[in-house]
Protein backbone atom coordinates (compact mmCIF):
# COMPACT_ATOMS: atom_id res chain seq x y z
CA MET A 1 2.13 10.37 8.69
CA ALA A 2 2.43 14.01 9.55
CA LYS A 3 1.72 15.72 6.27
CA SER A 4 -1.74 15.90 4.76
CA LYS A 5 -2.72 13.59 1.94
CA PRO A 6 -3.34 15.07 -1.50
CA SER A 7 -6.89 15.87 -2.53
CA LEU A 8 -7.36 14.14 -5.86
CA LYS A 9 -10.22 13.99 -8.32
CA SER A 10 -11.14 10.55 -9.67
CA ASN A 11 -9.99 11.42 -13.22
CA ASP A 12 -6.54 12.71 -12.12
CA LEU A 13 -4.64 9.57 -13.13
CA THR A 14 -1.24 11.28 -13.21
CA GLY A 15 -1.92 12.79 -9.80
CA PHE A 16 -2.73 9.35 -8.38
CA LEU A 17 0.48 7.88 -9.78
CA ARG A 18 2.49 10.74 -8.29
CA ALA A 19 0.69 10.21 -4.98
CA VAL A 20 1.51 6.47 -5.08
CA THR A 21 5.22 7.10 -5.59
CA ASP A 22 5.30 9.84 -2.94
CA GLU A 23 3.45 7.66 -0.40
CA TRP A 24 5.66 4.66 -1.27
CA LYS A 25 8.86 6.63 -0.58
CA GLU A 26 7.45 8.12 2.61
CA ILE A 27 6.35 4.72 3.97
CA GLU A 28 9.80 3.25 3.27
CA HIS A 29 11.48 6.20 5.00
CA VAL A 30 9.21 6.55 8.06
CA TYR A 31 8.84 2.83 8.81
CA GLU A 32 12.32 1.79 7.60
CA VAL A 33 10.95 -0.94 5.34
CA ARG A 34 11.23 -1.98 1.71
CA LEU A 35 7.92 -2.24 -0.13
CA GLU A 36 7.12 -4.89 -2.70
CA MET A 37 4.00 -4.98 -4.86
CA ALA A 38 2.64 -8.01 -6.68
CA ILE A 39 -0.22 -8.01 -9.18
CA GLU A 40 -1.69 -11.31 -10.31
CA PRO A 41 -4.98 -12.75 -11.58
CA ALA A 42 -7.44 -13.27 -8.73
CA GLY A 43 -8.90 -16.46 -10.17
CA ARG A 44 -12.03 -14.81 -11.54
CA GLY A 45 -12.03 -13.45 -15.07
CA GLY A 46 -11.01 -9.81 -15.33
CA ILE A 47 -10.10 -9.41 -11.64
CA LEU A 48 -6.60 -8.59 -10.39
CA ARG A 49 -5.25 -9.23 -6.89
CA ILE A 50 -2.87 -6.52 -5.69
CA SER A 51 -0.60 -7.29 -2.74
CA LEU A 52 1.60 -4.71 -1.03
CA THR A 53 4.14 -6.01 1.47
CA ALA A 54 6.46 -4.11 3.83
CA LEU A 55 9.69 -6.04 4.40
CA ASP A 56 12.47 -5.52 6.93
CA PRO A 57 15.56 -4.66 4.84
CA ALA A 58 17.91 -5.36 7.75
CA ARG A 59 17.19 -9.09 7.47
CA GLY A 60 18.99 -9.41 4.11
CA HIS A 61 17.58 -12.25 2.05
CA VAL A 62 15.35 -13.43 4.90
CA ALA A 63 12.17 -11.44 4.35
CA LEU A 64 10.54 -10.51 7.64
CA VAL A 65 7.12 -9.05 6.91
CA ASN A 66 6.34 -5.89 8.87
CA GLY A 67 3.00 -5.29 7.17
CA TYR A 68 0.78 -6.61 4.40
CA TYR A 69 -2.29 -5.38 2.54
CA GLN A 70 -4.19 -7.06 -0.29
CA CYS A 71 -7.08 -5.89 -2.43
CA GLU A 72 -8.75 -6.68 -5.74
CA TYR A 73 -9.34 -4.54 -8.82
CA PRO A 74 -11.83 -3.68 -10.17
CA THR A 75 -14.40 -3.56 -7.40
CA ALA A 76 -17.92 -2.22 -7.12
CA GLN A 77 -16.38 1.10 -6.16
CA VAL A 78 -15.80 3.43 -9.08
CA GLU A 79 -12.08 4.04 -9.21
CA SER A 80 -9.18 3.75 -11.61
CA LEU A 81 -6.32 1.31 -11.22
CA GLU A 82 -4.15 4.28 -10.23
CA ALA A 83 -6.59 5.19 -7.44
CA CYS A 84 -6.66 1.56 -6.30
CA LEU A 85 -2.85 1.49 -6.05
CA TYR A 86 -2.92 4.69 -4.00
CA ARG A 87 -5.59 3.24 -1.71
CA CYS A 88 -3.38 0.16 -1.17
CA CYS A 89 -0.50 2.39 -0.05
CA ILE A 90 -2.75 4.34 2.33
CA ARG A 91 -4.17 1.16 3.84
CA LEU A 92 -0.73 -0.43 4.27
CA GLU A 93 0.46 2.75 6.02
CA ARG A 94 -2.44 2.36 8.47
CA VAL A 95 -1.47 -1.26 9.11
CA LEU A 96 2.12 -0.21 9.84
CA ARG A 97 1.01 2.72 12.03
CA ASP A 98 -1.29 0.44 14.06
CA ALA A 99 1.47 -2.15 14.43
CA ARG A 100 3.84 0.54 15.70
CA SER A 101 1.20 1.91 18.09
CA HIS A 102 0.26 -1.52 19.41
CA PRO A 103 3.34 -3.77 19.38
CA MET A 104 2.71 -7.46 19.90
CA GLY A 105 -0.97 -6.96 19.08
CA LYS A 106 -1.78 -5.16 22.33
CA ALA A 107 -4.53 -2.59 22.01
């Protein structure tokens, strides 16, 4: 994406939530997708699995996945849930950018 990403401090929880919503809207606009997020137990006590999926809205009820990213929270990295959600958006944007740059998996 063209604009620079915000510089956030680890304790700026409101800033991370704002960054998540801004990044979410920008991804949907630039890549013409609809994002869906799912949060569920990862199977180990106290661990959440976060999945972020980019869907093709032109397909109606048939969900064609344009991009997918999954992570777990918490991890060994020191970050808040808000920071983890932001990181998921950033990583999904990279997946979509790479897919656009290299259609059909061609590098």
